[in-house]
Amino acid sequence: IYPAVEQAGTSLEAASKQNVKNQVSLLSKASPVLAKLIQ
């Protein structure tokens, strides 16, 4: 979660939303299985 805090600051809502976006990015990049289905 910490990368989202670094990116969005200490606003709870902003950091929470950034965390969601970071996890989406991670899923898309870390999983060849999901990346292939997206492609």
Full PDB file with SEQRES, HELIX, SHEET, SSBOND, CRYST1, ORIGX, SCALE, CONECT and MASTER records, all heavy atoms in Angstrom:
SEQRES   1 A   39  ILE TYR PRO ALA VAL GLU GLN ALA GLY THR SER LEU GLU          
SEQRES   2 A   39  ALA ALA SER LYS GLN ASN VAL LYS ASN GLN VAL SER LEU          
SEQRES   3 A   39  LEU SER LYS ALA SER PRO VAL LEU ALA LYS LEU ILE GLN          
HELIX    1 AA1 TYR A    2  ALA A    8  1                                   7    
HELIX    2 AA2 LEU A   12  ALA A   30  1                                  19    
HELIX    3 AA3 PRO A   32  ILE A   38  1                                   7    
CRYST1    1.000    1.000    1.000  90.00  90.00  90.00 P 1           1          
ORIGX1      1.000000  0.000000  0.000000        0.00000                         
ORIGX2      0.000000  1.000000  0.000000        0.00000                         
ORIGX3      0.000000  0.000000  1.000000        0.00000                         
SCALE1      1.000000  0.000000  0.000000        0.00000                         
SCALE2      0.000000  1.000000  0.000000        0.00000                         
SCALE3      0.000000  0.000000  1.000000        0.00000                         
ATOM      1  N   ILE A   1       0.813  -1.220   0.000  1.00  0.00           N  
ATOM      2  CA  ILE A   1       0.000   0.000   0.000  1.00  0.00           C  
ATOM      3  C   ILE A   1       0.844   1.266   0.000  1.00  0.00           C  
ATOM      4  O   ILE A   1       0.427   2.302  -0.528  1.00  0.00           O  
ATOM      5  CB  ILE A   1      -0.952  -0.005   1.221  1.00  0.00           C  
ATOM      6  CG1 ILE A   1      -1.845  -1.248   1.193  1.00  0.00           C  
ATOM      7  CG2 ILE A   1      -1.812   1.249   1.270  1.00  0.00           C  
ATOM      8  CD1 ILE A   1      -2.679  -1.450   2.448  1.00  0.00           C  
ATOM      9  N   TYR A   2       2.055   1.192   0.550  1.00  0.00           N  
ATOM     10  CA  TYR A   2       2.875   2.383   0.735  1.00  0.00           C  
ATOM     11  C   TYR A   2       3.144   3.169  -0.555  1.00  0.00           C  
ATOM     12  O   TYR A   2       3.163   4.415  -0.511  1.00  0.00           O  
ATOM     13  CB  TYR A   2       4.202   2.014   1.403  1.00  0.00           C  
ATOM     14  CG  TYR A   2       5.000   3.226   1.812  1.00  0.00           C  
ATOM     15  CD1 TYR A   2       4.611   4.010   2.893  1.00  0.00           C  
ATOM     16  CD2 TYR A   2       6.134   3.604   1.101  1.00  0.00           C  
ATOM     17  CE1 TYR A   2       5.333   5.142   3.258  1.00  0.00           C  
ATOM     18  CE2 TYR A   2       6.854   4.726   1.460  1.00  0.00           C  
ATOM     19  CZ  TYR A   2       6.452   5.488   2.542  1.00  0.00           C  
ATOM     20  OH  TYR A   2       7.161   6.599   2.891  1.00  0.00           O  
ATOM     21  N   PRO A   3       3.352   2.520  -1.714  1.00  0.00           N  
ATOM     22  CA  PRO A   3       3.560   3.308  -2.937  1.00  0.00           C  
ATOM     23  C   PRO A   3       2.424   4.291  -3.214  1.00  0.00           C  
ATOM     24  O   PRO A   3       2.662   5.393  -3.722  1.00  0.00           O  
ATOM     25  CB  PRO A   3       3.663   2.245  -4.032  1.00  0.00           C  
ATOM     26  CG  PRO A   3       4.203   1.049  -3.326  1.00  0.00           C  
ATOM     27  CD  PRO A   3       3.547   1.082  -1.977  1.00  0.00           C  
ATOM     28  N   ALA A   4       1.197   3.910  -2.880  1.00  0.00           N  
ATOM     29  CA  ALA A   4       0.053   4.801  -3.095  1.00  0.00           C  
ATOM     30  C   ALA A   4       0.144   6.025  -2.200  1.00  0.00           C  
ATOM     31  O   ALA A   4      -0.238   7.136  -2.597  1.00  0.00           O  
ATOM     32  CB  ALA A   4      -1.252   4.054  -2.844  1.00  0.00           C  
ATOM     33  N   VAL A   5       0.640   5.835  -0.985  1.00  0.00           N  
ATOM     34  CA  VAL A   5       0.812   6.961  -0.061  1.00  0.00           C  
ATOM     35  C   VAL A   5       1.884   7.894  -0.587  1.00  0.00           C  
ATOM     36  O   VAL A   5       1.750   9.124  -0.529  1.00  0.00           O  
ATOM     37  CB  VAL A   5       1.168   6.456   1.350  1.00  0.00           C  
ATOM     38  CG1 VAL A   5       1.390   7.628   2.299  1.00  0.00           C  
ATOM     39  CG2 VAL A   5       0.072   5.530   1.881  1.00  0.00           C  
ATOM     40  N   GLU A   6       2.963   7.335  -1.117  1.00  0.00           N  
ATOM     41  CA  GLU A   6       4.022   8.165  -1.699  1.00  0.00           C  
ATOM     42  C   GLU A   6       3.498   8.975  -2.884  1.00  0.00           C  
ATOM     43  O   GLU A   6       3.887  10.123  -3.089  1.00  0.00           O  
ATOM     44  CB  GLU A   6       5.188   7.283  -2.157  1.00  0.00           C  
ATOM     45  CG  GLU A   6       6.014   6.686  -1.033  1.00  0.00           C  
ATOM     46  CD  GLU A   6       7.249   5.992  -1.564  1.00  0.00           C  
ATOM     47  OE1 GLU A   6       7.125   5.197  -2.521  1.00  0.00           O  
ATOM     48  OE2 GLU A   6       8.346   6.257  -1.052  1.00  0.00           O  
ATOM     49  N   GLN A   7       2.619   8.367  -3.666  1.00  0.00           N  
ATOM     50  CA  GLN A   7       2.108   9.024  -4.871  1.00  0.00           C  
ATOM     51  C   GLN A   7       1.005  10.034  -4.570  1.00  0.00           C  
ATOM     52  O   GLN A   7       0.949  11.110  -5.178  1.00  0.00           O  
ATOM     53  CB  GLN A   7       1.585   7.968  -5.850  1.00  0.00           C  
ATOM     54  CG  GLN A   7       2.663   7.073  -6.429  1.00  0.00           C  
ATOM     55  CD  GLN A   7       2.064   5.860  -7.125  1.00  0.00           C  
ATOM     56  OE1 GLN A   7       1.508   4.961  -6.496  1.00  0.00           O  
ATOM     57  NE2 GLN A   7       2.159   5.843  -8.446  1.00  0.00           N  
ATOM     58  N   ALA A   8       0.102   9.683  -3.659  1.00  0.00           N  
ATOM     59  CA  ALA A   8      -1.097  10.498  -3.437  1.00  0.00           C  
ATOM     60  C   ALA A   8      -1.037  11.358  -2.186  1.00  0.00           C  
ATOM     61  O   ALA A   8      -1.893  12.223  -1.996  1.00  0.00           O  
ATOM     62  CB  ALA A   8      -2.332   9.595  -3.373  1.00  0.00           C  
ATOM     63  N   GLY A   9      -0.072  11.108  -1.310  1.00  0.00           N  
ATOM     64  CA  GLY A   9       0.001  11.875  -0.076  1.00  0.00           C  
ATOM     65  C   GLY A   9      -0.826  11.258   1.033  1.00  0.00           C  
ATOM     66  O   GLY A   9      -1.264  10.106   0.942  1.00  0.00           O  
ATOM     67  N   THR A  10      -1.075  12.028   2.067  1.00  0.00           N  
ATOM     68  CA  THR A  10      -1.702  11.485   3.279  1.00  0.00           C  
ATOM     69  C   THR A  10      -3.223  11.618   3.312  1.00  0.00           C  
ATOM     70  O   THR A  10      -3.848  11.313   4.327  1.00  0.00           O  
ATOM     71  CB  THR A  10      -1.119  12.176   4.522  1.00  0.00           C  
ATOM     72  OG1 THR A  10      -1.309  13.595   4.415  1.00  0.00           O  
ATOM     73  CG2 THR A  10       0.374  11.889   4.656  1.00  0.00           C  
ATOM     74  N   SER A  11      -3.831  12.074   2.220  1.00  0.00           N  
ATOM     75  CA  SER A  11      -5.293  12.064   2.145  1.00  0.00           C  
ATOM     76  C   SER A  11      -5.760  10.617   2.058  1.00  0.00           C  
ATOM     77  O   SER A  11      -5.354   9.880   1.149  1.00  0.00           O  
ATOM     78  CB  SER A  11      -5.763  12.828   0.907  1.00  0.00           C  
ATOM     79  OG  SER A  11      -7.121  12.520   0.608  1.00  0.00           O  
ATOM     80  N   LEU A  12      -6.595  10.200   2.997  1.00  0.00           N  
ATOM     81  CA  LEU A  12      -7.031   8.805   3.048  1.00  0.00           C  
ATOM     82  C   LEU A  12      -7.760   8.404   1.774  1.00  0.00           C  
ATOM     83  O   LEU A  12      -7.500   7.338   1.208  1.00  0.00           O  
ATOM     84  CB  LEU A  12      -7.931   8.576   4.269  1.00  0.00           C  
ATOM     85  CG  LEU A  12      -8.482   7.159   4.449  1.00  0.00           C  
ATOM     86  CD1 LEU A  12      -7.364   6.126   4.485  1.00  0.00           C  
ATOM     87  CD2 LEU A  12      -9.326   7.076   5.724  1.00  0.00           C  
ATOM     88  N   GLU A  13      -8.672   9.233   1.294  1.00  0.00           N  
ATOM     89  CA  GLU A  13      -9.421   8.881   0.095  1.00  0.00           C  
ATOM     90  C   GLU A  13      -8.514   8.842  -1.137  1.00  0.00           C  
ATOM     91  O   GLU A  13      -8.599   7.913  -1.943  1.00  0.00           O  
ATOM     92  CB  GLU A  13     -10.568   9.870  -0.138  1.00  0.00           C  
ATOM     93  CG  GLU A  13     -11.395   9.528  -1.379  1.00  0.00           C  
ATOM     94  CD  GLU A  13     -12.667  10.351  -1.506  1.00  0.00           C  
ATOM     95  OE1 GLU A  13     -13.253  10.688  -0.466  1.00  0.00           O  
ATOM     96  OE2 GLU A  13     -13.066  10.636  -2.650  1.00  0.00           O  
ATOM     97  N   ALA A  14      -7.649   9.842  -1.267  1.00  0.00           N  
ATOM     98  CA  ALA A  14      -6.756   9.882  -2.426  1.00  0.00           C  
ATOM     99  C   ALA A  14      -5.809   8.688  -2.431  1.00  0.00           C  
ATOM    100  O   ALA A  14      -5.582   8.059  -3.480  1.00  0.00           O  
ATOM    101  CB  ALA A  14      -5.963  11.187  -2.430  1.00  0.00           C  
ATOM    102  N   ALA A  15      -5.256   8.353  -1.275  1.00  0.00           N  
ATOM    103  CA  ALA A  15      -4.339   7.213  -1.187  1.00  0.00           C  
ATOM    104  C   ALA A  15      -5.072   5.903  -1.445  1.00  0.00           C  
ATOM    105  O   ALA A  15      -4.532   4.993  -2.087  1.00  0.00           O  
ATOM    106  CB  ALA A  15      -3.667   7.188   0.187  1.00  0.00           C  
ATOM    107  N   SER A  16      -6.303   5.799  -0.967  1.00  0.00           N  
ATOM    108  CA  SER A  16      -7.091   4.577  -1.182  1.00  0.00           C  
ATOM    109  C   SER A  16      -7.391   4.379  -2.668  1.00  0.00           C  
ATOM    110  O   SER A  16      -7.302   3.256  -3.181  1.00  0.00           O  
ATOM    111  CB  SER A  16      -8.401   4.654  -0.392  1.00  0.00           C  
ATOM    112  OG  SER A  16      -8.155   4.713   0.999  1.00  0.00           O  
ATOM    113  N   LYS A  17      -7.734   5.447  -3.349  1.00  0.00           N  
ATOM    114  CA  LYS A  17      -8.017   5.355  -4.781  1.00  0.00           C  
ATOM    115  C   LYS A  17      -6.751   5.060  -5.571  1.00  0.00           C  
ATOM    116  O   LYS A  17      -6.767   4.263  -6.520  1.00  0.00           O  
ATOM    117  CB  LYS A  17      -8.664   6.646  -5.270  1.00  0.00           C  
ATOM    118  CG  LYS A  17     -10.090   6.845  -4.765  1.00  0.00           C  
ATOM    119  CD  LYS A  17     -10.710   8.139  -5.274  1.00  0.00           C  
ATOM    120  CE  LYS A  17     -12.161   8.269  -4.824  1.00  0.00           C  
ATOM    121  NZ  LYS A  17     -12.785   9.532  -5.261  1.00  0.00           N  
ATOM    122  N   GLN A  18      -5.636   5.675  -5.181  1.00  0.00           N  
ATOM    123  CA  GLN A  18      -4.373   5.398  -5.866  1.00  0.00           C  
ATOM    124  C   GLN A  18      -3.947   3.959  -5.644  1.00  0.00           C  
ATOM    125  O   GLN A  18      -3.396   3.304  -6.551  1.00  0.00           O  
ATOM    126  CB  GLN A  18      -3.285   6.352  -5.371  1.00  0.00           C  
ATOM    127  CG  GLN A  18      -1.963   6.229  -6.113  1.00  0.00           C  
ATOM    128  CD  GLN A  18      -2.105   6.529  -7.591  1.00  0.00           C  
ATOM    129  OE1 GLN A  18      -2.672   7.557  -7.958  1.00  0.00           O  
ATOM    130  NE2 GLN A  18      -1.599   5.644  -8.449  1.00  0.00           N  
ATOM    131  N   ASN A  19      -4.200   3.447  -4.451  1.00  0.00           N  
ATOM    132  CA  ASN A  19      -3.870   2.050  -4.160  1.00  0.00           C  
ATOM    133  C   ASN A  19      -4.625   1.103  -5.082  1.00  0.00           C  
ATOM    134  O   ASN A  19      -4.065   0.120  -5.578  1.00  0.00           O  
ATOM    135  CB  ASN A  19      -4.197   1.729  -2.699  1.00  0.00           C  
ATOM    136  CG  ASN A  19      -3.904   0.295  -2.336  1.00  0.00           C  
ATOM    137  OD1 ASN A  19      -2.811  -0.221  -2.584  1.00  0.00           O  
ATOM    138  ND2 ASN A  19      -4.885  -0.383  -1.768  1.00  0.00           N  
ATOM    139  N   VAL A  20      -5.896   1.395  -5.335  1.00  0.00           N  
ATOM    140  CA  VAL A  20      -6.682   0.572  -6.258  1.00  0.00           C  
ATOM    141  C   VAL A  20      -6.025   0.566  -7.642  1.00  0.00           C  
ATOM    142  O   VAL A  20      -5.837  -0.494  -8.251  1.00  0.00           O  
ATOM    143  CB  VAL A  20      -8.128   1.095  -6.363  1.00  0.00           C  
ATOM    144  CG1 VAL A  20      -8.868   0.374  -7.483  1.00  0.00           C  
ATOM    145  CG2 VAL A  20      -8.858   0.907  -5.052  1.00  0.00           C  
ATOM    146  N   LYS A  21      -5.673   1.742  -8.122  1.00  0.00           N  
ATOM    147  CA  LYS A  21      -5.059   1.840  -9.446  1.00  0.00           C  
ATOM    148  C   LYS A  21      -3.732   1.088  -9.498  1.00  0.00           C  
ATOM    149  O   LYS A  21      -3.406   0.432 -10.500  1.00  0.00           O  
ATOM    150  CB  LYS A  21      -4.854   3.307  -9.819  1.00  0.00           C  
ATOM    151  CG  LYS A  21      -6.155   4.084  -9.969  1.00  0.00           C  
ATOM    152  CD  LYS A  21      -5.898   5.564 -10.230  1.00  0.00           C  
ATOM    153  CE  LYS A  21      -7.196   6.347 -10.320  1.00  0.00           C  
ATOM    154  NZ  LYS A  21      -6.949   7.799 -10.538  1.00  0.00           N  
ATOM    155  N   ASN A  22      -2.965   1.167  -8.411  1.00  0.00           N  
ATOM    156  CA  ASN A  22      -1.687   0.453  -8.359  1.00  0.00           C  
ATOM    157  C   ASN A  22      -1.885  -1.054  -8.414  1.00  0.00           C  
ATOM    158  O   ASN A  22      -1.116  -1.774  -9.064  1.00  0.00           O  
ATOM    159  CB  ASN A  22      -0.924   0.824  -7.089  1.00  0.00           C  
ATOM    160  CG  ASN A  22      -0.382   2.234  -7.121  1.00  0.00           C  
ATOM    161  OD1 ASN A  22      -0.469   2.924  -8.144  1.00  0.00           O  
ATOM    162  ND2 ASN A  22       0.184   2.682  -6.006  1.00  0.00           N  
ATOM    163  N   GLN A  23      -2.910  -1.552  -7.720  1.00  0.00           N  
ATOM    164  CA  GLN A  23      -3.161  -2.993  -7.722  1.00  0.00           C  
ATOM    165  C   GLN A  23      -3.625  -3.474  -9.106  1.00  0.00           C  
ATOM    166  O   GLN A  23      -3.274  -4.568  -9.543  1.00  0.00           O  
ATOM    167  CB  GLN A  23      -4.187  -3.361  -6.649  1.00  0.00           C  
ATOM    168  CG  GLN A  23      -3.824  -2.927  -5.240  1.00  0.00           C  
ATOM    169  CD  GLN A  23      -2.415  -3.303  -4.818  1.00  0.00           C  
ATOM    170  OE1 GLN A  23      -1.957  -4.433  -5.053  1.00  0.00           O  
ATOM    171  NE2 GLN A  23      -1.703  -2.379  -4.189  1.00  0.00           N  
ATOM    172  N   VAL A  24      -4.399  -2.641  -9.791  1.00  0.00           N  
ATOM    173  CA  VAL A  24      -4.809  -2.979 -11.157  1.00  0.00           C  
ATOM    174  C   VAL A  24      -3.588  -3.087 -12.053  1.00  0.00           C  
ATOM    175  O   VAL A  24      -3.451  -4.029 -12.843  1.00  0.00           O  
ATOM    176  CB  VAL A  24      -5.789  -1.921 -11.712  1.00  0.00           C  
ATOM    177  CG1 VAL A  24      -5.981  -2.096 -13.222  1.00  0.00           C  
ATOM    178  CG2 VAL A  24      -7.129  -2.029 -11.008  1.00  0.00           C  
ATOM    179  N   SER A  25      -2.686  -2.126 -11.926  1.00  0.00           N  
ATOM    180  CA  SER A  25      -1.463  -2.135 -12.727  1.00  0.00           C  
ATOM    181  C   SER A  25      -0.618  -3.366 -12.417  1.00  0.00           C  
ATOM    182  O   SER A  25      -0.085  -4.022 -13.326  1.00  0.00           O  
ATOM    183  CB  SER A  25      -0.659  -0.863 -12.456  1.00  0.00           C  
ATOM    184  OG  SER A  25       0.553  -0.865 -13.178  1.00  0.00           O  
ATOM    185  N   LEU A  26      -0.522  -3.689 -11.142  1.00  0.00           N  
ATOM    186  CA  LEU A  26       0.252  -4.862 -10.730  1.00  0.00           C  
ATOM    187  C   LEU A  26      -0.338  -6.141 -11.304  1.00  0.00           C  
ATOM    188  O   LEU A  26       0.389  -7.000 -11.829  1.00  0.00           O  
ATOM    189  CB  LEU A  26       0.309  -4.944  -9.200  1.00  0.00           C  
ATOM    190  CG  LEU A  26       0.997  -6.181  -8.605  1.00  0.00           C  
ATOM    191  CD1 LEU A  26       2.425  -6.290  -9.112  1.00  0.00           C  
ATOM    192  CD2 LEU A  26       0.974  -6.115  -7.084  1.00  0.00           C  
ATOM    193  N   LEU A  27      -1.653  -6.281 -11.232  1.00  0.00           N  
ATOM    194  CA  LEU A  27      -2.305  -7.475 -11.770  1.00  0.00           C  
ATOM    195  C   LEU A  27      -2.049  -7.609 -13.271  1.00  0.00           C  
ATOM    196  O   LEU A  27      -1.816  -8.705 -13.776  1.00  0.00           O  
ATOM    197  CB  LEU A  27      -3.810  -7.418 -11.505  1.00  0.00           C  
ATOM    198  CG  LEU A  27      -4.258  -7.699 -10.070  1.00  0.00           C  
ATOM    199  CD1 LEU A  27      -5.718  -7.328  -9.900  1.00  0.00           C  
ATOM    200  CD2 LEU A  27      -4.026  -9.156  -9.720  1.00  0.00           C  
ATOM    201  N   SER A  28      -2.105  -6.503 -13.970  1.00  0.00           N  
ATOM    202  CA  SER A  28      -1.926  -6.520 -15.416  1.00  0.00           C  
ATOM    203  C   SER A  28      -0.491  -6.872 -15.816  1.00  0.00           C  
ATOM    204  O   SER A  28      -0.260  -7.499 -16.848  1.00  0.00           O  
ATOM    205  CB  SER A  28      -2.294  -5.152 -16.010  1.00  0.00           C  
ATOM    206  OG  SER A  28      -3.619  -4.798 -15.681  1.00  0.00           O  
ATOM    207  N   LYS A  29       0.468  -6.460 -14.976  1.00  0.00           N  
ATOM    208  CA  LYS A  29       1.874  -6.660 -15.320  1.00  0.00           C  
ATOM    209  C   LYS A  29       2.474  -7.925 -14.711  1.00  0.00           C  
ATOM    210  O   LYS A  29       3.330  -8.570 -15.322  1.00  0.00           O  
ATOM    211  CB  LYS A  29       2.687  -5.444 -14.873  1.00  0.00           C  
ATOM    212  CG  LYS A  29       2.320  -4.160 -15.600  1.00  0.00           C  
ATOM    213  CD  LYS A  29       3.066  -2.963 -15.029  1.00  0.00           C  
ATOM    214  CE  LYS A  29       2.676  -1.672 -15.733  1.00  0.00           C  
ATOM    215  NZ  LYS A  29       3.340  -0.489 -15.145  1.00  0.00           N  
ATOM    216  N   ALA A  30       2.047  -8.263 -13.493  1.00  0.00           N  
ATOM    217  CA  ALA A  30       2.664  -9.381 -12.777  1.00  0.00           C  
ATOM    218  C   ALA A  30       2.118 -10.733 -13.213  1.00  0.00           C  
ATOM    219  O   ALA A  30       2.725 -11.759 -12.936  1.00  0.00           O  
ATOM    220  CB  ALA A  30       2.469  -9.221 -11.276  1.00  0.00           C  
ATOM    221  N   SER A  31       0.969 -10.737 -13.880  1.00  0.00           N  
ATOM    222  CA  SER A  31       0.348 -12.002 -14.277  1.00  0.00           C  
ATOM    223  C   SER A  31       0.298 -12.148 -15.789  1.00  0.00           C  
ATOM    224  O   SER A  31      -0.543 -11.530 -16.451  1.00  0.00           O  
ATOM    225  CB  SER A  31      -1.075 -12.103 -13.716  1.00  0.00           C  
ATOM    226  OG  SER A  31      -1.725 -13.232 -14.258  1.00  0.00           O  
ATOM    227  N   PRO A  32       1.159 -12.968 -16.367  1.00  0.00           N  
ATOM    228  CA  PRO A  32       1.060 -13.237 -17.803  1.00  0.00           C  
ATOM    229  C   PRO A  32      -0.282 -13.854 -18.188  1.00  0.00           C  
ATOM    230  O   PRO A  32      -0.760 -13.666 -19.305  1.00  0.00           O  
ATOM    231  CB  PRO A  32       2.217 -14.220 -18.058  1.00  0.00           C  
ATOM    232  CG  PRO A  32       3.176 -13.985 -16.941  1.00  0.00           C  
ATOM    233  CD  PRO A  32       2.322 -13.637 -15.755  1.00  0.00           C  
ATOM    234  N   VAL A  33      -0.876 -14.583 -17.262  1.00  0.00           N  
ATOM    235  CA  VAL A  33      -2.171 -15.207 -17.521  1.00  0.00           C  
ATOM    236  C   VAL A  33      -3.231 -14.133 -17.779  1.00  0.00           C  
ATOM    237  O   VAL A  33      -3.959 -14.175 -18.772  1.00  0.00           O  
ATOM    238  CB  VAL A  33      -2.598 -16.101 -16.331  1.00  0.00           C  
ATOM    239  CG1 VAL A  33      -4.004 -16.641 -16.546  1.00  0.00           C  
ATOM    240  CG2 VAL A  33      -1.617 -17.247 -16.153  1.00  0.00           C  
ATOM    241  N   LEU A  34      -3.321 -13.181 -16.874  1.00  0.00           N  
ATOM    242  CA  LEU A  34      -4.307 -12.110 -17.023  1.00  0.00           C  
ATOM    243  C   LEU A  34      -3.954 -11.202 -18.203  1.00  0.00           C  
ATOM    244  O   LEU A  34      -4.841 -10.767 -18.939  1.00  0.00           O  
ATOM    245  CB  LEU A  34      -4.398 -11.298 -15.734  1.00  0.00           C  
ATOM    246  CG  LEU A  34      -4.823 -12.064 -14.476  1.00  0.00           C  
ATOM    247  CD1 LEU A  34      -4.855 -11.128 -13.272  1.00  0.00           C  
ATOM    248  CD2 LEU A  34      -6.162 -12.752 -14.665  1.00  0.00           C  
ATOM    249  N   ALA A  35      -2.662 -10.923 -18.375  1.00  0.00           N  
ATOM    250  CA  ALA A  35      -2.236 -10.048 -19.476  1.00  0.00           C  
ATOM    251  C   ALA A  35      -2.636 -10.628 -20.827  1.00  0.00           C  
ATOM    252  O   ALA A  35      -3.070  -9.900 -21.728  1.00  0.00           O  
ATOM    253  CB  ALA A  35      -0.725  -9.830 -19.407  1.00  0.00           C  
ATOM    254  N   LYS A  36      -2.499 -11.936 -20.961  1.00  0.00           N  
ATOM    255  CA  LYS A  36      -2.854 -12.585 -22.223  1.00  0.00           C  
ATOM    256  C   LYS A  36      -4.351 -12.493 -22.487  1.00  0.00           C  
ATOM    257  O   LYS A  36      -4.791 -12.220 -23.609  1.00  0.00           O  
ATOM    258  CB  LYS A  36      -2.415 -14.047 -22.207  1.00  0.00           C  
ATOM    259  CG  LYS A  36      -2.650 -14.807 -23.516  1.00  0.00           C  
ATOM    260  CD  LYS A  36      -2.031 -16.195 -23.441  1.00  0.00           C  
ATOM    261  CE  LYS A  36      -2.119 -16.905 -24.780  1.00  0.00           C  
ATOM    262  NZ  LYS A  36      -3.502 -17.219 -25.162  1.00  0.00           N  
ATOM    263  N   LEU A  37      -5.162 -12.700 -21.451  1.00  0.00           N  
ATOM    264  CA  LEU A  37      -6.611 -12.609 -21.600  1.00  0.00           C  
ATOM    265  C   LEU A  37      -7.043 -11.192 -21.951  1.00  0.00           C  
ATOM    266  O   LEU A  37      -7.959 -10.983 -22.743  1.00  0.00           O  
ATOM    267  CB  LEU A  37      -7.294 -13.077 -20.313  1.00  0.00           C  
ATOM    268  CG  LEU A  37      -7.193 -14.570 -20.017  1.00  0.00           C  
ATOM    269  CD1 LEU A  37      -7.667 -14.873 -18.596  1.00  0.00           C  
ATOM    270  CD2 LEU A  37      -7.988 -15.382 -21.022  1.00  0.00           C  
ATOM    271  N   ILE A  38      -6.368 -10.207 -21.357  1.00  0.00           N  
ATOM    272  CA  ILE A  38      -6.663  -8.811 -21.690  1.00  0.00           C  
ATOM    273  C   ILE A  38      -6.313  -8.527 -23.141  1.00  0.00           C  
ATOM    274  O   ILE A  38      -7.083  -7.893 -23.873  1.00  0.00           O  
ATOM    275  CB  ILE A  38      -5.884  -7.865 -20.756  1.00  0.00           C  
ATOM    276  CG1 ILE A  38      -6.371  -8.001 -19.321  1.00  0.00           C  
ATOM    277  CG2 ILE A  38      -6.027  -6.414 -21.222  1.00  0.00           C  
ATOM    278  CD1 ILE A  38      -5.505  -7.293 -18.307  1.00  0.00           C  
ATOM    279  N   GLN A  39      -5.155  -8.993 -23.569  1.00  0.00           N  
ATOM    280  CA  GLN A  39      -4.713  -8.775 -24.950  1.00  0.00           C  
ATOM    281  C   GLN A  39      -5.678  -9.402 -25.945  1.00  0.00           C  
ATOM    282  O   GLN A  39      -5.939  -8.844 -27.011  1.00  0.00           O  
ATOM    283  CB  GLN A  39      -3.307  -9.358 -25.140  1.00  0.00           C  
ATOM    284  CG  GLN A  39      -2.716  -9.110 -26.519  1.00  0.00           C  
ATOM    285  CD  GLN A  39      -1.318  -9.673 -26.647  1.00  0.00           C  
ATOM    286  OE1 GLN A  39      -0.869 -10.491 -25.837  1.00  0.00           O  
ATOM    287  NE2 GLN A  39      -0.597  -9.258 -27.671  1.00  0.00           N  
TER     288      GLN A  39                                                      
MASTER        0    0    0    3    0    0    0    6  287    1    0    3          
END                                                                             
